All heavy atoms as atom14 arrays in JSON, in Angstrom:
{
  "sequence": "AAMIDRMDQGIGRMIEALRQAGELDNTLIVFLSDNGASPEDAMRYG",
  "atom14_mask": [
    [1, 1, 1, 1, 1, 0, 0, 0, 0, 0, 0, 0, 0, 0],
    [1, 1, 1, 1, 1, 0, 0, 0, 0, 0, 0, 0, 0, 0],
    [1, 1, 1, 1, 1, 1, 1, 1, 0, 0, 0, 0, 0, 0],
    [1, 1, 1, 1, 1, 1, 1, 1, 0, 0, 0, 0, 0, 0],
    [1, 1, 1, 1, 1, 1, 1, 1, 0, 0, 0, 0, 0, 0],
    [1, 1, 1, 1, 1, 1, 1, 1, 1, 1, 1, 0, 0, 0],
    [1, 1, 1, 1, 1, 1, 1, 1, 0, 0, 0, 0, 0, 0],
    [1, 1, 1, 1, 1, 1, 1, 1, 0, 0, 0, 0, 0, 0],
    [1, 1, 1, 1, 1, 1, 1, 1, 1, 0, 0, 0, 0, 0],
    [1, 1, 1, 1, 0, 0, 0, 0, 0, 0, 0, 0, 0, 0],
    [1, 1, 1, 1, 1, 1, 1, 1, 0, 0, 0, 0, 0, 0],
    [1, 1, 1, 1, 0, 0, 0, 0, 0, 0, 0, 0, 0, 0],
    [1, 1, 1, 1, 1, 1, 1, 1, 1, 1, 1, 0, 0, 0],
    [1, 1, 1, 1, 1, 1, 1, 1, 0, 0, 0, 0, 0, 0],
    [1, 1, 1, 1, 1, 1, 1, 1, 0, 0, 0, 0, 0, 0],
    [1, 1, 1, 1, 1, 1, 1, 1, 1, 0, 0, 0, 0, 0],
    [1, 1, 1, 1, 1, 0, 0, 0, 0, 0, 0, 0, 0, 0],
    [1, 1, 1, 1, 1, 1, 1, 1, 0, 0, 0, 0, 0, 0],
    [1, 1, 1, 1, 1, 1, 1, 1, 1, 1, 1, 0, 0, 0],
    [1, 1, 1, 1, 1, 1, 1, 1, 1, 0, 0, 0, 0, 0],
    [1, 1, 1, 1, 1, 0, 0, 0, 0, 0, 0, 0, 0, 0],
    [1, 1, 1, 1, 0, 0, 0, 0, 0, 0, 0, 0, 0, 0],
    [1, 1, 1, 1, 1, 1, 1, 1, 1, 0, 0, 0, 0, 0],
    [1, 1, 1, 1, 1, 1, 1, 1, 0, 0, 0, 0, 0, 0],
    [1, 1, 1, 1, 1, 1, 1, 1, 0, 0, 0, 0, 0, 0],
    [1, 1, 1, 1, 1, 1, 1, 1, 0, 0, 0, 0, 0, 0],
    [1, 1, 1, 1, 1, 1, 1, 0, 0, 0, 0, 0, 0, 0],
    [1, 1, 1, 1, 1, 1, 1, 1, 0, 0, 0, 0, 0, 0],
    [1, 1, 1, 1, 1, 1, 1, 1, 0, 0, 0, 0, 0, 0],
    [1, 1, 1, 1, 1, 1, 1, 0, 0, 0, 0, 0, 0, 0],
    [1, 1, 1, 1, 1, 1, 1, 1, 1, 1, 1, 0, 0, 0],
    [1, 1, 1, 1, 1, 1, 1, 1, 0, 0, 0, 0, 0, 0],
    [1, 1, 1, 1, 1, 1, 0, 0, 0, 0, 0, 0, 0, 0],
    [1, 1, 1, 1, 1, 1, 1, 1, 0, 0, 0, 0, 0, 0],
    [1, 1, 1, 1, 1, 1, 1, 1, 0, 0, 0, 0, 0, 0],
    [1, 1, 1, 1, 0, 0, 0, 0, 0, 0, 0, 0, 0, 0],
    [1, 1, 1, 1, 1, 0, 0, 0, 0, 0, 0, 0, 0, 0],
    [1, 1, 1, 1, 1, 1, 0, 0, 0, 0, 0, 0, 0, 0],
    [1, 1, 1, 1, 1, 1, 1, 0, 0, 0, 0, 0, 0, 0],
    [1, 1, 1, 1, 1, 1, 1, 1, 1, 0, 0, 0, 0, 0],
    [1, 1, 1, 1, 1, 1, 1, 1, 0, 0, 0, 0, 0, 0],
    [1, 1, 1, 1, 1, 0, 0, 0, 0, 0, 0, 0, 0, 0],
    [1, 1, 1, 1, 1, 1, 1, 1, 0, 0, 0, 0, 0, 0],
    [1, 1, 1, 1, 1, 1, 1, 1, 1, 1, 1, 0, 0, 0],
    [1, 1, 1, 1, 1, 1, 1, 1, 1, 1, 1, 1, 0, 0],
    [1, 1, 1, 1, 0, 0, 0, 0, 0, 0, 0, 0, 0, 0]
  ],
  "atom14_positions": [
    [[0.83, -1.21, 0.0], [0.0, 0.0, 0.0], [0.86, 1.25, 0.0], [0.55, 2.24, -0.7], [-0.92, -0.02, 1.22], [0.0, 0.0, 0.0], [0.0, 0.0, 0.0], [0.0, 0.0, 0.0], [0.0, 0.0, 0.0], [0.0, 0.0, 0.0], [0.0, 0.0, 0.0], [0.0, 0.0, 0.0], [0.0, 0.0, 0.0], [0.0, 0.0, 0.0]],
    [[1.94, 1.24, 0.78], [2.82, 2.4, 0.86], [3.46, 2.71, -0.5], [3.63, 3.88, -0.87], [3.91, 2.16, 1.91], [0.0, 0.0, 0.0], [0.0, 0.0, 0.0], [0.0, 0.0, 0.0], [0.0, 0.0, 0.0], [0.0, 0.0, 0.0], [0.0, 0.0, 0.0], [0.0, 0.0, 0.0], [0.0, 0.0, 0.0], [0.0, 0.0, 0.0]],
    [[3.8, 1.67, -1.25], [4.4, 1.87, -2.57], [3.41, 2.53, -3.53], [3.76, 3.41, -4.32], [4.87, 0.52, -3.13], [5.99, -0.11, -2.32], [6.34, -1.83, -2.78], [7.27, -1.57, -4.3], [0.0, 0.0, 0.0], [0.0, 0.0, 0.0], [0.0, 0.0, 0.0], [0.0, 0.0, 0.0], [0.0, 0.0, 0.0], [0.0, 0.0, 0.0]],
    [[2.15, 2.12, -3.44], [1.1, 2.72, -4.27], [0.83, 4.15, -3.83], [0.66, 5.05, -4.66], [-0.17, 1.86, -4.21], [0.09, 0.48, -4.82], [-1.34, 2.55, -4.91], [-1.0, -0.54, -4.56], [0.0, 0.0, 0.0], [0.0, 0.0, 0.0], [0.0, 0.0, 0.0], [0.0, 0.0, 0.0], [0.0, 0.0, 0.0], [0.0, 0.0, 0.0]],
    [[0.79, 4.38, -2.54], [0.58, 5.71, -1.99], [1.65, 6.67, -2.48], [1.36, 7.8, -2.94], [0.61, 5.6, -0.46], [0.22, 6.88, 0.26], [0.77, 7.95, -0.07], [-0.62, 6.82, 1.18], [0.0, 0.0, 0.0], [0.0, 0.0, 0.0], [0.0, 0.0, 0.0], [0.0, 0.0, 0.0], [0.0, 0.0, 0.0], [0.0, 0.0, 0.0]],
    [[2.92, 6.24, -2.45], [4.02, 7.11, -2.9], [3.92, 7.38, -4.41], [4.19, 8.5, -4.86], [5.35, 6.46, -2.55], [6.59, 7.21, -3.01], [6.72, 8.61, -2.41], [6.82, 8.63, -0.98], [7.34, 9.64, -0.26], [7.85, 10.7, -0.88], [7.35, 9.59, 1.04], [0.0, 0.0, 0.0], [0.0, 0.0, 0.0], [0.0, 0.0, 0.0]],
    [[3.53, 6.38, -5.17], [3.33, 6.58, -6.61], [2.24, 7.63, -6.83], [2.4, 8.54, -7.67], [2.92, 5.27, -7.28], [2.55, 5.39, -8.74], [2.14, 3.78, -9.5], [0.64, 3.36, -8.57], [0.0, 0.0, 0.0], [0.0, 0.0, 0.0], [0.0, 0.0, 0.0], [0.0, 0.0, 0.0], [0.0, 0.0, 0.0], [0.0, 0.0, 0.0]],
    [[1.15, 7.55, -6.09], [0.07, 8.52, -6.24], [0.52, 9.92, -5.86], [0.13, 10.91, -6.51], [-1.13, 8.1, -5.36], [-2.3, 9.06, -5.49], [-3.08, 8.93, -6.46], [-2.41, 9.97, -4.64], [0.0, 0.0, 0.0], [0.0, 0.0, 0.0], [0.0, 0.0, 0.0], [0.0, 0.0, 0.0], [0.0, 0.0, 0.0], [0.0, 0.0, 0.0]],
    [[1.34, 10.03, -4.84], [1.88, 11.35, -4.48], [2.63, 11.97, -5.66], [2.5, 13.16, -5.95], [2.81, 11.22, -3.28], [2.14, 10.83, -1.98], [3.15, 10.6, -0.87], [4.08, 11.41, -0.67], [3.02, 9.51, -0.14], [0.0, 0.0, 0.0], [0.0, 0.0, 0.0], [0.0, 0.0, 0.0], [0.0, 0.0, 0.0], [0.0, 0.0, 0.0]],
    [[3.43, 11.16, -6.34], [4.16, 11.65, -7.5], [3.24, 12.06, -8.63], [3.48, 13.07, -9.32], [0.0, 0.0, 0.0], [0.0, 0.0, 0.0], [0.0, 0.0, 0.0], [0.0, 0.0, 0.0], [0.0, 0.0, 0.0], [0.0, 0.0, 0.0], [0.0, 0.0, 0.0], [0.0, 0.0, 0.0], [0.0, 0.0, 0.0], [0.0, 0.0, 0.0]],
    [[2.17, 11.3, -8.83], [1.19, 11.66, -9.87], [0.55, 13.0, -9.53], [0.31, 13.82, -10.42], [0.14, 10.53, -10.02], [0.81, 9.29, -10.63], [-1.04, 10.99, -10.88], [-0.06, 8.05, -10.62], [0.0, 0.0, 0.0], [0.0, 0.0, 0.0], [0.0, 0.0, 0.0], [0.0, 0.0, 0.0], [0.0, 0.0, 0.0], [0.0, 0.0, 0.0]],
    [[0.29, 13.22, -8.25], [-0.23, 14.53, -7.85], [0.71, 15.67, -8.19], [0.27, 16.74, -8.63], [0.0, 0.0, 0.0], [0.0, 0.0, 0.0], [0.0, 0.0, 0.0], [0.0, 0.0, 0.0], [0.0, 0.0, 0.0], [0.0, 0.0, 0.0], [0.0, 0.0, 0.0], [0.0, 0.0, 0.0], [0.0, 0.0, 0.0], [0.0, 0.0, 0.0]],
    [[2.0, 15.44, -8.02], [2.97, 16.48, -8.38], [3.05, 16.68, -9.9], [3.28, 17.79, -10.36], [4.34, 16.13, -7.79], [4.34, 16.17, -6.25], [5.73, 16.12, -5.66], [6.37, 14.84, -5.8], [7.49, 14.61, -6.48], [8.07, 15.62, -7.13], [8.02, 13.42, -6.55], [0.0, 0.0, 0.0], [0.0, 0.0, 0.0], [0.0, 0.0, 0.0]],
    [[2.85, 15.62, -10.66], [2.79, 15.76, -12.12], [1.58, 16.6, -12.53], [1.68, 17.47, -13.4], [2.72, 14.39, -12.78], [3.95, 13.53, -12.63], [3.68, 11.89, -13.38], [4.62, 10.85, -12.25], [0.0, 0.0, 0.0], [0.0, 0.0, 0.0], [0.0, 0.0, 0.0], [0.0, 0.0, 0.0], [0.0, 0.0, 0.0], [0.0, 0.0, 0.0]],
    [[0.45, 16.33, -11.9], [-0.76, 17.11, -12.19], [-0.53, 18.59, -11.88], [-0.89, 19.47, -12.67], [-1.95, 16.57, -11.38], [-2.33, 15.16, -11.85], [-3.16, 17.5, -11.49], [-3.33, 14.45, -10.95], [0.0, 0.0, 0.0], [0.0, 0.0, 0.0], [0.0, 0.0, 0.0], [0.0, 0.0, 0.0], [0.0, 0.0, 0.0], [0.0, 0.0, 0.0]],
    [[0.12, 18.86, -10.76], [0.38, 20.25, -10.38], [1.36, 20.91, -11.36], [1.2, 22.08, -11.7], [0.94, 20.31, -8.96], [1.2, 21.71, -8.44], [-0.03, 22.6, -8.44], [-1.17, 22.07, -8.33], [0.14, 23.84, -8.57], [0.0, 0.0, 0.0], [0.0, 0.0, 0.0], [0.0, 0.0, 0.0], [0.0, 0.0, 0.0], [0.0, 0.0, 0.0]],
    [[2.34, 20.16, -11.83], [3.28, 20.71, -12.82], [2.55, 21.07, -14.11], [2.81, 22.12, -14.72], [4.39, 19.7, -13.11], [0.0, 0.0, 0.0], [0.0, 0.0, 0.0], [0.0, 0.0, 0.0], [0.0, 0.0, 0.0], [0.0, 0.0, 0.0], [0.0, 0.0, 0.0], [0.0, 0.0, 0.0], [0.0, 0.0, 0.0], [0.0, 0.0, 0.0]],
    [[1.62, 20.25, -14.52], [0.8, 20.56, -15.71], [-0.04, 21.8, -15.47], [-0.17, 22.66, -16.34], [-0.09, 19.37, -16.05], [0.59, 18.14, -16.65], [-0.34, 16.94, -16.61], [1.02, 18.42, -18.09], [0.0, 0.0, 0.0], [0.0, 0.0, 0.0], [0.0, 0.0, 0.0], [0.0, 0.0, 0.0], [0.0, 0.0, 0.0], [0.0, 0.0, 0.0]],
    [[-0.61, 21.9, -14.28], [-1.47, 23.05, -13.96], [-0.64, 24.34, -13.98], [-1.06, 25.35, -14.56], [-2.13, 22.84, -12.59], [-3.09, 23.96, -12.2], [-3.74, 23.7, -10.86], [-4.74, 22.64, -10.94], [-4.64, 21.44, -10.36], [-3.57, 21.13, -9.65], [-5.61, 20.55, -10.49], [0.0, 0.0, 0.0], [0.0, 0.0, 0.0], [0.0, 0.0, 0.0]],
    [[0.53, 24.31, -13.37], [1.37, 25.5, -13.33], [1.86, 25.9, -14.71], [2.06, 27.09, -14.99], [2.55, 25.27, -12.39], [2.16, 25.18, -10.92], [3.36, 25.02, -10.01], [4.5, 25.09, -10.45], [3.09, 24.83, -8.72], [0.0, 0.0, 0.0], [0.0, 0.0, 0.0], [0.0, 0.0, 0.0], [0.0, 0.0, 0.0], [0.0, 0.0, 0.0]],
    [[2.01, 24.92, -15.59], [2.48, 25.2, -16.95], [1.33, 25.61, -17.88], [1.57, 25.93, -19.04], [3.19, 23.99, -17.52], [0.0, 0.0, 0.0], [0.0, 0.0, 0.0], [0.0, 0.0, 0.0], [0.0, 0.0, 0.0], [0.0, 0.0, 0.0], [0.0, 0.0, 0.0], [0.0, 0.0, 0.0], [0.0, 0.0, 0.0], [0.0, 0.0, 0.0]],
    [[0.1, 25.57, -17.36], [-1.06, 25.91, -18.19], [-1.42, 24.83, -19.19], [-2.1, 25.1, -20.19], [0.0, 0.0, 0.0], [0.0, 0.0, 0.0], [0.0, 0.0, 0.0], [0.0, 0.0, 0.0], [0.0, 0.0, 0.0], [0.0, 0.0, 0.0], [0.0, 0.0, 0.0], [0.0, 0.0, 0.0], [0.0, 0.0, 0.0], [0.0, 0.0, 0.0]],
    [[-0.99, 23.59, -18.93], [-1.19, 22.51, -19.88], [-2.22, 21.48, -19.43], [-2.55, 20.56, -20.2], [0.14, 21.78, -20.12], [1.23, 22.64, -20.74], [0.99, 22.92, -22.22], [0.08, 22.31, -22.81], [1.73, 23.76, -22.79], [0.0, 0.0, 0.0], [0.0, 0.0, 0.0], [0.0, 0.0, 0.0], [0.0, 0.0, 0.0], [0.0, 0.0, 0.0]],
    [[-2.75, 21.61, -18.22], [-3.57, 20.54, -17.66], [-4.85, 20.29, -18.47], [-5.21, 19.13, -18.74], [-3.92, 20.84, -16.2], [-4.7, 19.75, -15.45], [-3.92, 18.45, -15.42], [-5.02, 20.21, -14.03], [0.0, 0.0, 0.0], [0.0, 0.0, 0.0], [0.0, 0.0, 0.0], [0.0, 0.0, 0.0], [0.0, 0.0, 0.0], [0.0, 0.0, 0.0]],
    [[-5.53, 21.34, -18.87], [-6.82, 21.17, -19.54], [-6.71, 20.47, -20.88], [-7.66, 19.79, -21.31], [-7.5, 22.53, -19.73], [-8.1, 23.07, -18.44], [-8.1, 22.33, -17.44], [-8.54, 24.24, -18.43], [0.0, 0.0, 0.0], [0.0, 0.0, 0.0], [0.0, 0.0, 0.0], [0.0, 0.0, 0.0], [0.0, 0.0, 0.0], [0.0, 0.0, 0.0]],
    [[-5.58, 20.62, -21.54], [-5.44, 19.99, -22.85], [-4.42, 18.86, -22.82], [-3.68, 18.63, -23.77], [-5.05, 21.0, -23.93], [-5.3, 20.47, -25.34], [-6.24, 19.71, -25.57], [-4.47, 20.86, -26.29], [0.0, 0.0, 0.0], [0.0, 0.0, 0.0], [0.0, 0.0, 0.0], [0.0, 0.0, 0.0], [0.0, 0.0, 0.0], [0.0, 0.0, 0.0]],
    [[-4.41, 18.13, -21.72], [-3.56, 16.94, -21.6], [-4.43, 15.73, -21.29], [-5.18, 15.74, -20.32], [-2.51, 17.11, -20.5], [-1.65, 18.22, -20.82], [-1.65, 15.86, -20.35], [0.0, 0.0, 0.0], [0.0, 0.0, 0.0], [0.0, 0.0, 0.0], [0.0, 0.0, 0.0], [0.0, 0.0, 0.0], [0.0, 0.0, 0.0], [0.0, 0.0, 0.0]],
    [[-4.33, 14.73, -22.15], [-4.97, 13.45, -21.88], [-4.04, 12.64, -20.97], [-2.88, 12.39, -21.32], [-5.21, 12.68, -23.18], [-5.64, 11.21, -23.03], [-6.98, 11.09, -22.32], [-5.68, 10.51, -24.39], [0.0, 0.0, 0.0], [0.0, 0.0, 0.0], [0.0, 0.0, 0.0], [0.0, 0.0, 0.0], [0.0, 0.0, 0.0], [0.0, 0.0, 0.0]],
    [[-4.54, 12.28, -19.79], [-3.8, 11.44, -18.86], [-4.54, 10.12, -18.73], [-5.74, 10.1, -18.44], [-3.67, 12.1, -17.47], [-3.03, 13.49, -17.57], [-2.85, 11.2, -16.53], [-3.03, 14.25, -16.25], [0.0, 0.0, 0.0], [0.0, 0.0, 0.0], [0.0, 0.0, 0.0], [0.0, 0.0, 0.0], [0.0, 0.0, 0.0], [0.0, 0.0, 0.0]],
    [[-3.84, 9.03, -18.97], [-4.45, 7.72, -18.75], [-3.6, 6.96, -17.73], [-2.38, 7.1, -17.69], [-4.59, 6.91, -20.05], [-5.57, 7.58, -20.99], [-3.27, 6.68, -20.73], [0.0, 0.0, 0.0], [0.0, 0.0, 0.0], [0.0, 0.0, 0.0], [0.0, 0.0, 0.0], [0.0, 0.0, 0.0], [0.0, 0.0, 0.0], [0.0, 0.0, 0.0]],
    [[-4.27, 6.2, -16.91], [-3.61, 5.41, -15.86], [-4.15, 3.99, -15.91], [-5.37, 3.78, -15.99], [-3.87, 6.01, -14.47], [-3.33, 5.16, -13.35], [-2.03, 5.32, -12.91], [-4.12, 4.17, -12.76], [-1.52, 4.51, -11.89], [-3.62, 3.36, -11.75], [-2.31, 3.53, -11.31], [0.0, 0.0, 0.0], [0.0, 0.0, 0.0], [0.0, 0.0, 0.0]],
    [[-3.24, 3.02, -15.83], [-3.64, 1.61, -15.84], [-2.53, 0.76, -15.23], [-1.51, 1.29, -14.79], [-3.94, 1.14, -17.26], [-2.74, 0.89, -18.19], [-3.14, -0.07, -19.32], [-2.23, 2.19, -18.79], [0.0, 0.0, 0.0], [0.0, 0.0, 0.0], [0.0, 0.0, 0.0], [0.0, 0.0, 0.0], [0.0, 0.0, 0.0], [0.0, 0.0, 0.0]],
    [[-2.73, -0.55, -15.22], [-1.74, -1.5, -14.71], [-1.36, -2.49, -15.81], [-2.17, -2.79, -16.69], [-2.28, -2.26, -13.51], [-1.32, -3.19, -13.01], [0.0, 0.0, 0.0], [0.0, 0.0, 0.0], [0.0, 0.0, 0.0], [0.0, 0.0, 0.0], [0.0, 0.0, 0.0], [0.0, 0.0, 0.0], [0.0, 0.0, 0.0], [0.0, 0.0, 0.0]],
    [[-0.15, -3.01, -15.74], [0.32, -3.92, -16.78], [-0.23, -5.34, -16.65], [-0.22, -6.11, -17.61], [1.85, -3.95, -16.84], [2.49, -4.48, -15.56], [1.81, -4.55, -14.51], [3.7, -4.8, -15.6], [0.0, 0.0, 0.0], [0.0, 0.0, 0.0], [0.0, 0.0, 0.0], [0.0, 0.0, 0.0], [0.0, 0.0, 0.0], [0.0, 0.0, 0.0]],
    [[-0.7, -5.7, -15.47], [-1.28, -7.04, -15.23], [-1.9, -7.04, -13.85], [-1.83, -6.05, -13.11], [-0.22, -8.14, -15.36], [1.09, -7.85, -14.68], [2.1, -7.64, -15.35], [1.09, -7.78, -13.36], [0.0, 0.0, 0.0], [0.0, 0.0, 0.0], [0.0, 0.0, 0.0], [0.0, 0.0, 0.0], [0.0, 0.0, 0.0], [0.0, 0.0, 0.0]],
    [[-2.52, -8.15, -13.47], [-3.04, -8.26, -12.12], [-1.92, -8.32, -11.1], [-0.74, -8.46, -11.43], [0.0, 0.0, 0.0], [0.0, 0.0, 0.0], [0.0, 0.0, 0.0], [0.0, 0.0, 0.0], [0.0, 0.0, 0.0], [0.0, 0.0, 0.0], [0.0, 0.0, 0.0], [0.0, 0.0, 0.0], [0.0, 0.0, 0.0], [0.0, 0.0, 0.0]],
    [[-2.3, -8.2, -9.83], [-1.31, -8.29, -8.76], [-0.6, -9.64, -8.81], [-1.15, -10.65, -9.24], [-1.98, -8.1, -7.4], [0.0, 0.0, 0.0], [0.0, 0.0, 0.0], [0.0, 0.0, 0.0], [0.0, 0.0, 0.0], [0.0, 0.0, 0.0], [0.0, 0.0, 0.0], [0.0, 0.0, 0.0], [0.0, 0.0, 0.0], [0.0, 0.0, 0.0]],
    [[0.65, -9.65, -8.36], [1.5, -10.83, -8.49], [1.3, -11.81, -7.33], [1.4, -11.42, -6.16], [2.97, -10.43, -8.55], [3.79, -11.58, -8.52], [0.0, 0.0, 0.0], [0.0, 0.0, 0.0], [0.0, 0.0, 0.0], [0.0, 0.0, 0.0], [0.0, 0.0, 0.0], [0.0, 0.0, 0.0], [0.0, 0.0, 0.0], [0.0, 0.0, 0.0]],
    [[1.1, -13.1, -7.64], [0.99, -14.11, -6.58], [2.34, -14.71, -6.2], [2.4, -15.63, -5.38], [0.11, -15.17, -7.24], [0.54, -15.13, -8.68], [0.85, -13.67, -8.97], [0.0, 0.0, 0.0], [0.0, 0.0, 0.0], [0.0, 0.0, 0.0], [0.0, 0.0, 0.0], [0.0, 0.0, 0.0], [0.0, 0.0, 0.0], [0.0, 0.0, 0.0]],
    [[3.42, -14.21, -6.78], [4.73, -14.84, -6.63], [5.25, -14.79, -5.19], [4.98, -13.85, -4.46], [5.74, -14.14, -7.55], [5.45, -14.3, -9.03], [6.23, -13.31, -9.87], [5.76, -12.17, -10.02], [7.31, -13.69, -10.37], [0.0, 0.0, 0.0], [0.0, 0.0, 0.0], [0.0, 0.0, 0.0], [0.0, 0.0, 0.0], [0.0, 0.0, 0.0]],
    [[5.99, -15.81, -4.84], [6.75, -15.84, -3.6], [8.2, -15.51, -3.96], [9.02, -16.39, -4.2], [6.64, -17.23, -2.96], [7.32, -17.29, -1.59], [8.05, -16.34, -1.25], [7.15, -18.3, -0.89], [0.0, 0.0, 0.0], [0.0, 0.0, 0.0], [0.0, 0.0, 0.0], [0.0, 0.0, 0.0], [0.0, 0.0, 0.0], [0.0, 0.0, 0.0]],
    [[8.48, -14.21, -4.03], [9.79, -13.77, -4.51], [10.93, -14.21, -3.59], [12.08, -14.28, -4.02], [9.8, -12.24, -4.65], [0.0, 0.0, 0.0], [0.0, 0.0, 0.0], [0.0, 0.0, 0.0], [0.0, 0.0, 0.0], [0.0, 0.0, 0.0], [0.0, 0.0, 0.0], [0.0, 0.0, 0.0], [0.0, 0.0, 0.0], [0.0, 0.0, 0.0]],
    [[10.61, -14.49, -2.34], [11.65, -14.91, -1.41], [12.3, -16.22, -1.85], [13.49, -16.46, -1.62], [11.08, -15.07, 0.0], [10.62, -13.77, 0.63], [8.93, -13.29, 0.16], [7.96, -14.28, 1.3], [0.0, 0.0, 0.0], [0.0, 0.0, 0.0], [0.0, 0.0, 0.0], [0.0, 0.0, 0.0], [0.0, 0.0, 0.0], [0.0, 0.0, 0.0]],
    [[11.51, -17.08, -2.51], [12.03, -18.38, -2.94], [12.92, -18.28, -4.17], [13.64, -19.23, -4.48], [10.87, -19.34, -3.19], [10.09, -19.66, -1.92], [9.1, -20.81, -2.09], [8.37, -21.03, -0.86], [8.83, -21.75, 0.16], [10.02, -22.32, 0.08], [8.11, -21.9, 1.26], [0.0, 0.0, 0.0], [0.0, 0.0, 0.0], [0.0, 0.0, 0.0]],
    [[12.9, -17.18, -4.86], [13.76, -17.03, -6.02], [15.23, -16.93, -5.62], [16.11, -17.47, -6.29], [13.39, -15.78, -6.82], [12.04, -15.82, -7.49], [11.33, -14.66, -7.74], [11.46, -17.03, -7.88], [10.09, -14.67, -8.36], [10.22, -17.06, -8.5], [9.53, -15.88, -8.74], [8.32, -15.91, -9.36], [0.0, 0.0, 0.0], [0.0, 0.0, 0.0]],
    [[15.49, -16.22, -4.53], [16.87, -16.03, -4.1], [17.63, -15.14, -5.06], [17.11, -14.68, -6.08], [0.0, 0.0, 0.0], [0.0, 0.0, 0.0], [0.0, 0.0, 0.0], [0.0, 0.0, 0.0], [0.0, 0.0, 0.0], [0.0, 0.0, 0.0], [0.0, 0.0, 0.0], [0.0, 0.0, 0.0], [0.0, 0.0, 0.0], [0.0, 0.0, 0.0]]
  ]
}
């Protein structure tokens, strides 16, 4: 959750940068994920 929260904070700063540059209204922003959440047990990879 913390990793997602920090990512969202950065997206907020991107939105603000667009607003300050006067570009927000004419910018298409899309957000998505590359796949579902991972079921992997990464500890076993070593």
